[in-house]
Protein backbone atom coordinates (compact mmCIF):
# COMPACT_ATOMS: atom_id res chain seq x y z
CA UNK A 1 0.00 0.00 0.00
CA UNK A 2 1.28 3.46 -0.93
CA UNK A 3 0.93 6.62 1.12
CA UNK A 4 -0.48 9.85 -0.25
CA UNK A 5 -0.52 13.29 1.35
CA UNK A 6 -3.62 15.40 0.71
CA UNK A 7 -3.29 19.16 1.08
CA UNK A 8 -6.05 21.67 1.63
CA UNK A 9 -6.07 25.24 0.43
CA UNK A 10 -3.48 27.57 1.95
CA UNK A 11 -4.64 30.10 4.49
CA UNK A 12 -2.74 33.31 5.20
CA UNK A 13 -2.77 34.73 8.71
CA UNK A 14 -2.33 38.33 9.92
CA UNK A 15 1.47 38.01 9.75
CA UNK A 16 1.26 37.01 6.07
CA UNK A 17 2.47 33.51 6.84
CA UNK A 18 0.81 30.73 4.88
CA UNK A 19 -0.33 27.50 6.44
CA UNK A 20 -2.12 24.58 4.88
CA UNK A 21 -3.95 21.57 6.24
CA UNK A 22 -2.61 18.15 5.26
CA UNK A 23 -3.53 14.54 5.91
CA UNK A 24 -1.70 11.34 4.98
CA UNK A 25 -3.81 8.42 3.75
CA UNK A 26 -3.08 4.91 2.52
CA UNK A 27 -4.27 3.68 -0.88
CA UNK A 28 -3.16 1.40 -3.69
CA UNK A 29 -3.14 4.12 -6.39
CA UNK A 30 -3.90 7.74 -7.24
CA UNK A 31 -7.13 6.56 -8.84
CA UNK A 32 -8.31 5.08 -5.55
CA UNK A 33 -7.56 8.33 -3.71
CA UNK A 34 -9.32 10.43 -6.33
CA UNK A 35 -12.35 8.14 -6.32
CA UNK A 36 -12.67 8.52 -2.55
CA UNK A 37 -12.35 12.31 -2.76
CA UNK A 38 -14.91 12.52 -5.57
CA UNK A 39 -17.37 10.41 -3.60
CA UNK A 40 -17.25 13.10 -0.89
CA UNK A 41 -17.63 16.05 -3.32
CA UNK A 42 -13.94 16.95 -2.96
CA UNK A 43 -13.90 16.95 0.84
CA UNK A 44 -11.78 14.92 3.26
CA UNK A 45 -13.46 14.46 6.61
CA UNK A 46 -11.87 13.38 9.86
CA UNK A 47 -12.66 13.55 13.57
CA UNK A 48 -10.49 16.69 13.71
CA UNK A 49 -12.37 18.50 10.94
CA UNK A 50 -12.81 18.62 7.19
CA UNK A 51 -11.10 20.33 4.28
CA UNK A 52 -11.38 20.63 0.50
CA UNK A 53 -8.49 18.87 -1.23
CA UNK A 54 -6.36 21.12 -3.45
CA UNK A 55 -3.26 18.98 -4.05
CA UNK A 56 -2.22 15.31 -3.79
CA UNK A 57 1.33 13.98 -3.62
CA UNK A 58 2.72 10.48 -3.19
CA UNK A 59 4.87 10.01 -0.11
CA UNK A 60 8.17 8.37 -0.99
CA UNK A 61 9.95 6.72 1.92
PDB file of N, CA and C in Angstrom:
ATOM      1  N   UNK A   1       0.846  -1.179   0.000  1.00  0.00           N
ATOM      2  CA  UNK A   1       0.000   0.000   0.000  1.00  0.00           C
ATOM      3  C   UNK A   1       0.889   1.240   0.000  1.00  0.00           C
ATOM      4  N   UNK A   2       0.547   2.195  -0.831  1.00  0.00           N
ATOM      5  CA  UNK A   2       1.283   3.459  -0.927  1.00  0.00           C
ATOM      6  C   UNK A   2       0.664   4.474   0.022  1.00  0.00           C
ATOM      7  N   UNK A   3       1.431   5.525   0.292  1.00  0.00           N
ATOM      8  CA  UNK A   3       0.929   6.616   1.116  1.00  0.00           C
ATOM      9  C   UNK A   3       0.822   7.872   0.258  1.00  0.00           C
ATOM     10  N   UNK A   4      -0.252   8.613   0.467  1.00  0.00           N
ATOM     11  CA  UNK A   4      -0.479   9.854  -0.250  1.00  0.00           C
ATOM     12  C   UNK A   4      -0.774  10.953   0.761  1.00  0.00           C
ATOM     13  N   UNK A   5      -0.260  12.144   0.486  1.00  0.00           N
ATOM     14  CA  UNK A   5      -0.523  13.292   1.352  1.00  0.00           C
ATOM     15  C   UNK A   5      -1.490  14.212   0.615  1.00  0.00           C
ATOM     16  N   UNK A   6      -2.588  14.537   1.277  1.00  0.00           N
ATOM     17  CA  UNK A   6      -3.615  15.404   0.709  1.00  0.00           C
ATOM     18  C   UNK A   6      -3.512  16.769   1.368  1.00  0.00           C
ATOM     19  N   UNK A   7      -3.418  17.795   0.562  1.00  0.00           N
ATOM     20  CA  UNK A   7      -3.286  19.156   1.078  1.00  0.00           C
ATOM     21  C   UNK A   7      -4.556  19.947   0.812  1.00  0.00           C
ATOM     22  N   UNK A   8      -4.930  20.753   1.792  1.00  0.00           N
ATOM     23  CA  UNK A   8      -6.045  21.667   1.626  1.00  0.00           C
ATOM     24  C   UNK A   8      -5.533  23.001   1.119  1.00  0.00           C
ATOM     25  N   UNK A   9      -6.445  23.913   0.886  1.00  0.00           N
ATOM     26  CA  UNK A   9      -6.066  25.244   0.425  1.00  0.00           C
ATOM     27  C   UNK A   9      -5.211  25.943   1.464  1.00  0.00           C
ATOM     28  N   UNK A  10      -4.350  26.849   1.028  1.00  0.00           N
ATOM     29  CA  UNK A  10      -3.475  27.575   1.946  1.00  0.00           C
ATOM     30  C   UNK A  10      -4.217  28.774   2.523  1.00  0.00           C
ATOM     31  N   UNK A  11      -4.059  28.963   3.796  1.00  0.00           N
ATOM     32  CA  UNK A  11      -4.636  30.103   4.494  1.00  0.00           C
ATOM     33  C   UNK A  11      -3.507  31.035   4.896  1.00  0.00           C
ATOM     34  N   UNK A  12      -3.741  32.318   4.819  1.00  0.00           N
ATOM     35  CA  UNK A  12      -2.742  33.309   5.197  1.00  0.00           C
ATOM     36  C   UNK A  12      -3.241  34.014   6.452  1.00  0.00           C
ATOM     37  N   UNK A  13      -2.372  34.078   7.466  1.00  0.00           N
ATOM     38  CA  UNK A  13      -2.770  34.730   8.709  1.00  0.00           C
ATOM     39  C   UNK A  13      -2.403  36.213   8.697  1.00  0.00           C
ATOM     40  N   UNK A  14      -2.599  36.889   9.820  1.00  0.00           N
ATOM     41  CA  UNK A  14      -2.334  38.327   9.920  1.00  0.00           C
ATOM     42  C   UNK A  14      -0.869  38.686   9.680  1.00  0.00           C
ATOM     43  N   UNK A  15       0.031  37.747   9.933  1.00  0.00           N
ATOM     44  CA  UNK A  15       1.465  38.006   9.753  1.00  0.00           C
ATOM     45  C   UNK A  15       1.924  37.655   8.340  1.00  0.00           C
ATOM     46  N   UNK A  16       0.984  37.372   7.465  1.00  0.00           N
ATOM     47  CA  UNK A  16       1.260  37.015   6.065  1.00  0.00           C
ATOM     48  C   UNK A  16       2.038  35.712   5.935  1.00  0.00           C
ATOM     49  N   UNK A  17       1.839  34.820   6.886  1.00  0.00           N
ATOM     50  CA  UNK A  17       2.467  33.506   6.841  1.00  0.00           C
ATOM     51  C   UNK A  17       1.421  32.496   6.395  1.00  0.00           C
ATOM     52  N   UNK A  18       1.759  31.700   5.402  1.00  0.00           N
ATOM     53  CA  UNK A  18       0.815  30.728   4.879  1.00  0.00           C
ATOM     54  C   UNK A  18       0.887  29.401   5.611  1.00  0.00           C
ATOM     55  N   UNK A  19      -0.250  28.833   5.857  1.00  0.00           N
ATOM     56  CA  UNK A  19      -0.331  27.496   6.435  1.00  0.00           C
ATOM     57  C   UNK A  19      -1.366  26.709   5.657  1.00  0.00           C
ATOM     58  N   UNK A  20      -1.176  25.419   5.590  1.00  0.00           N
ATOM     59  CA  UNK A  20      -2.120  24.584   4.879  1.00  0.00           C
ATOM     60  C   UNK A  20      -2.385  23.337   5.697  1.00  0.00           C
ATOM     61  N   UNK A  21      -3.565  22.790   5.545  1.00  0.00           N
ATOM     62  CA  UNK A  21      -3.952  21.570   6.244  1.00  0.00           C
ATOM     63  C   UNK A  21      -3.526  20.385   5.381  1.00  0.00           C
ATOM     64  N   UNK A  22      -3.009  19.340   6.008  1.00  0.00           N
ATOM     65  CA  UNK A  22      -2.609  18.150   5.262  1.00  0.00           C
ATOM     66  C   UNK A  22      -2.989  16.899   6.042  1.00  0.00           C
ATOM     67  N   UNK A  23      -3.220  15.826   5.303  1.00  0.00           N
ATOM     68  CA  UNK A  23      -3.532  14.539   5.914  1.00  0.00           C
ATOM     69  C   UNK A  23      -2.889  13.456   5.061  1.00  0.00           C
ATOM     70  N   UNK A  24      -2.301  12.460   5.692  1.00  0.00           N
ATOM     71  CA  UNK A  24      -1.705  11.341   4.980  1.00  0.00           C
ATOM     72  C   UNK A  24      -2.672  10.165   5.022  1.00  0.00           C
ATOM     73  N   UNK A  25      -2.895   9.561   3.858  1.00  0.00           N
ATOM     74  CA  UNK A  25      -3.809   8.424   3.750  1.00  0.00           C
ATOM     75  C   UNK A  25      -3.113   7.286   3.014  1.00  0.00           C
ATOM     76  N   UNK A  26      -3.601   6.077   3.214  1.00  0.00           N
ATOM     77  CA  UNK A  26      -3.079   4.914   2.517  1.00  0.00           C
ATOM     78  C   UNK A  26      -4.024   4.490   1.411  1.00  0.00           C
ATOM     79  N   UNK A  27      -3.463   4.144   0.254  1.00  0.00           N
ATOM     80  CA  UNK A  27      -4.270   3.680  -0.884  1.00  0.00           C
ATOM     81  C   UNK A  27      -3.354   2.921  -1.833  1.00  0.00           C
ATOM     82  N   UNK A  28      -3.945   2.173  -2.732  1.00  0.00           N
ATOM     83  CA  UNK A  28      -3.163   1.403  -3.694  1.00  0.00           C
ATOM     84  C   UNK A  28      -2.730   2.220  -4.904  1.00  0.00           C
ATOM     85  N   UNK A  29      -3.468   3.306  -5.212  1.00  0.00           N
ATOM     86  CA  UNK A  29      -3.142   4.115  -6.388  1.00  0.00           C
ATOM     87  C   UNK A  29      -3.760   5.504  -6.266  1.00  0.00           C
ATOM     88  N   UNK A  30      -3.299   6.412  -7.168  1.00  0.00           N
ATOM     89  CA  UNK A  30      -3.900   7.744  -7.236  1.00  0.00           C
ATOM     90  C   UNK A  30      -5.388   7.634  -7.544  1.00  0.00           C
ATOM     91  N   UNK A  31      -5.735   6.721  -8.446  1.00  0.00           N
ATOM     92  CA  UNK A  31      -7.135   6.561  -8.844  1.00  0.00           C
ATOM     93  C   UNK A  31      -8.027   6.249  -7.652  1.00  0.00           C
ATOM     94  N   UNK A  32      -7.539   5.423  -6.749  1.00  0.00           N
ATOM     95  CA  UNK A  32      -8.309   5.079  -5.547  1.00  0.00           C
ATOM     96  C   UNK A  32      -8.505   6.301  -4.659  1.00  0.00           C
ATOM     97  N   UNK A  33      -7.470   7.111  -4.515  1.00  0.00           N
ATOM     98  CA  UNK A  33      -7.561   8.331  -3.706  1.00  0.00           C
ATOM     99  C   UNK A  33      -8.556   9.298  -4.335  1.00  0.00           C
ATOM    100  N   UNK A  34      -8.434   9.501  -5.636  1.00  0.00           N
ATOM    101  CA  UNK A  34      -9.319  10.431  -6.334  1.00  0.00           C
ATOM    102  C   UNK A  34     -10.767   9.960  -6.266  1.00  0.00           C
ATOM    103  N   UNK A  35     -10.994   8.675  -6.407  1.00  0.00           N
ATOM    104  CA  UNK A  35     -12.354   8.143  -6.325  1.00  0.00           C
ATOM    105  C   UNK A  35     -12.958   8.430  -4.953  1.00  0.00           C
ATOM    106  N   UNK A  36     -12.177   8.253  -3.904  1.00  0.00           N
ATOM    107  CA  UNK A  36     -12.670   8.521  -2.546  1.00  0.00           C
ATOM    108  C   UNK A  36     -12.986  10.005  -2.365  1.00  0.00           C
ATOM    109  N   UNK A  37     -12.121  10.869  -2.875  1.00  0.00           N
ATOM    110  CA  UNK A  37     -12.347  12.312  -2.762  1.00  0.00           C
ATOM    111  C   UNK A  37     -13.601  12.707  -3.538  1.00  0.00           C
ATOM    112  N   UNK A  38     -13.738  12.192  -4.762  1.00  0.00           N
ATOM    113  CA  UNK A  38     -14.911  12.524  -5.573  1.00  0.00           C
ATOM    114  C   UNK A  38     -16.206  12.035  -4.940  1.00  0.00           C
ATOM    115  N   UNK A  39     -16.157  10.914  -4.245  1.00  0.00           N
ATOM    116  CA  UNK A  39     -17.372  10.409  -3.602  1.00  0.00           C
ATOM    117  C   UNK A  39     -17.825  11.308  -2.448  1.00  0.00           C
ATOM    118  N   UNK A  40     -16.915  12.152  -1.964  1.00  0.00           N
ATOM    119  CA  UNK A  40     -17.248  13.100  -0.889  1.00  0.00           C
ATOM    120  C   UNK A  40     -17.283  14.537  -1.397  1.00  0.00           C
ATOM    121  N   UNK A  41     -17.527  14.714  -2.699  1.00  0.00           N
ATOM    122  CA  UNK A  41     -17.628  16.050  -3.322  1.00  0.00           C
ATOM    123  C   UNK A  41     -16.368  16.881  -3.116  1.00  0.00           C
ATOM    124  N   UNK A  42     -15.205  16.236  -3.079  1.00  0.00           N
ATOM    125  CA  UNK A  42     -13.939  16.949  -2.960  1.00  0.00           C
ATOM    126  C   UNK A  42     -13.476  17.195  -1.538  1.00  0.00           C
ATOM    127  N   UNK A  43     -14.223  16.712  -0.571  1.00  0.00           N
ATOM    128  CA  UNK A  43     -13.895  16.946   0.836  1.00  0.00           C
ATOM    129  C   UNK A  43     -13.254  15.717   1.468  1.00  0.00           C
ATOM    130  N   UNK A  44     -12.339  15.950   2.384  1.00  0.00           N
ATOM    131  CA  UNK A  44     -11.785  14.918   3.257  1.00  0.00           C
ATOM    132  C   UNK A  44     -12.297  15.217   4.655  1.00  0.00           C
ATOM    133  N   UNK A  45     -12.927  14.255   5.264  1.00  0.00           N
ATOM    134  CA  UNK A  45     -13.462  14.462   6.610  1.00  0.00           C
ATOM    135  C   UNK A  45     -12.718  13.575   7.597  1.00  0.00           C
ATOM    136  N   UNK A  46     -12.586  14.069   8.797  1.00  0.00           N
ATOM    137  CA  UNK A  46     -11.867  13.383   9.856  1.00  0.00           C
ATOM    138  C   UNK A  46     -12.505  13.808  11.173  1.00  0.00           C
ATOM    139  N   UNK A  47     -12.131  13.156  12.255  1.00  0.00           N
ATOM    140  CA  UNK A  47     -12.663  13.546  13.566  1.00  0.00           C
ATOM    141  C   UNK A  47     -12.172  14.931  13.973  1.00  0.00           C
ATOM    142  N   UNK A  48     -11.047  15.380  13.378  1.00  0.00           N
ATOM    143  CA  UNK A  48     -10.494  16.692  13.708  1.00  0.00           C
ATOM    144  C   UNK A  48     -11.024  17.805  12.817  1.00  0.00           C
ATOM    145  N   UNK A  49     -11.824  17.481  11.821  1.00  0.00           N
ATOM    146  CA  UNK A  49     -12.366  18.504  10.938  1.00  0.00           C
ATOM    147  C   UNK A  49     -12.477  18.011   9.508  1.00  0.00           C
ATOM    148  N   UNK A  50     -12.674  18.954   8.598  1.00  0.00           N
ATOM    149  CA  UNK A  50     -12.807  18.625   7.186  1.00  0.00           C
ATOM    150  C   UNK A  50     -12.133  19.716   6.363  1.00  0.00           C
ATOM    151  N   UNK A  51     -11.662  19.339   5.174  1.00  0.00           N
ATOM    152  CA  UNK A  51     -11.098  20.328   4.276  1.00  0.00           C
ATOM    153  C   UNK A  51     -11.255  19.888   2.833  1.00  0.00           C
ATOM    154  N   UNK A  52     -11.274  20.862   1.935  1.00  0.00           N
ATOM    155  CA  UNK A  52     -11.383  20.633   0.505  1.00  0.00           C
ATOM    156  C   UNK A  52      -9.976  20.362  -0.021  1.00  0.00           C
ATOM    157  N   UNK A  53      -9.800  19.274  -0.737  1.00  0.00           N
ATOM    158  CA  UNK A  53      -8.486  18.875  -1.232  1.00  0.00           C
ATOM    159  C   UNK A  53      -8.087  19.734  -2.424  1.00  0.00           C
ATOM    160  N   UNK A  54      -6.877  20.288  -2.365  1.00  0.00           N
ATOM    161  CA  UNK A  54      -6.363  21.124  -3.445  1.00  0.00           C
ATOM    162  C   UNK A  54      -5.190  20.451  -4.162  1.00  0.00           C
ATOM    163  N   UNK A  55      -4.482  19.539  -3.481  1.00  0.00           N
ATOM    164  CA  UNK A  55      -3.260  18.983  -4.049  1.00  0.00           C
ATOM    165  C   UNK A  55      -3.018  17.598  -3.438  1.00  0.00           C
ATOM    166  N   UNK A  56      -2.540  16.667  -4.257  1.00  0.00           N
ATOM    167  CA  UNK A  56      -2.216  15.315  -3.794  1.00  0.00           C
ATOM    168  C   UNK A  56      -0.785  15.006  -4.205  1.00  0.00           C
ATOM    169  N   UNK A  57      -0.013  14.445  -3.273  1.00  0.00           N
ATOM    170  CA  UNK A  57       1.329  13.978  -3.621  1.00  0.00           C
ATOM    171  C   UNK A  57       1.568  12.616  -3.010  1.00  0.00           C
ATOM    172  N   UNK A  58       2.363  11.807  -3.703  1.00  0.00           N
ATOM    173  CA  UNK A  58       2.715  10.482  -3.189  1.00  0.00           C
ATOM    174  C   UNK A  58       3.885  10.642  -2.229  1.00  0.00           C
ATOM    175  N   UNK A  59       3.797   9.973  -1.101  1.00  0.00           N
ATOM    176  CA  UNK A  59       4.867  10.012  -0.106  1.00  0.00           C
ATOM    177  C   UNK A  59       5.867   8.925  -0.446  1.00  0.00           C
ATOM    178  N   UNK A  60       7.113   9.323  -0.660  1.00  0.00           N
ATOM    179  CA  UNK A  60       8.168   8.373  -0.989  1.00  0.00           C
ATOM    180  C   UNK A  60       9.038   8.214   0.251  1.00  0.00           C
ATOM    181  N   UNK A  61       9.154   6.980   0.693  1.00  0.00           N
ATOM    182  CA  UNK A  61       9.948   6.722   1.916  1.00  0.00           C
ATOM    183  C   UNK A  61      11.294   6.162   1.582  1.00  0.00           C
TER     184      UNK A  61
END
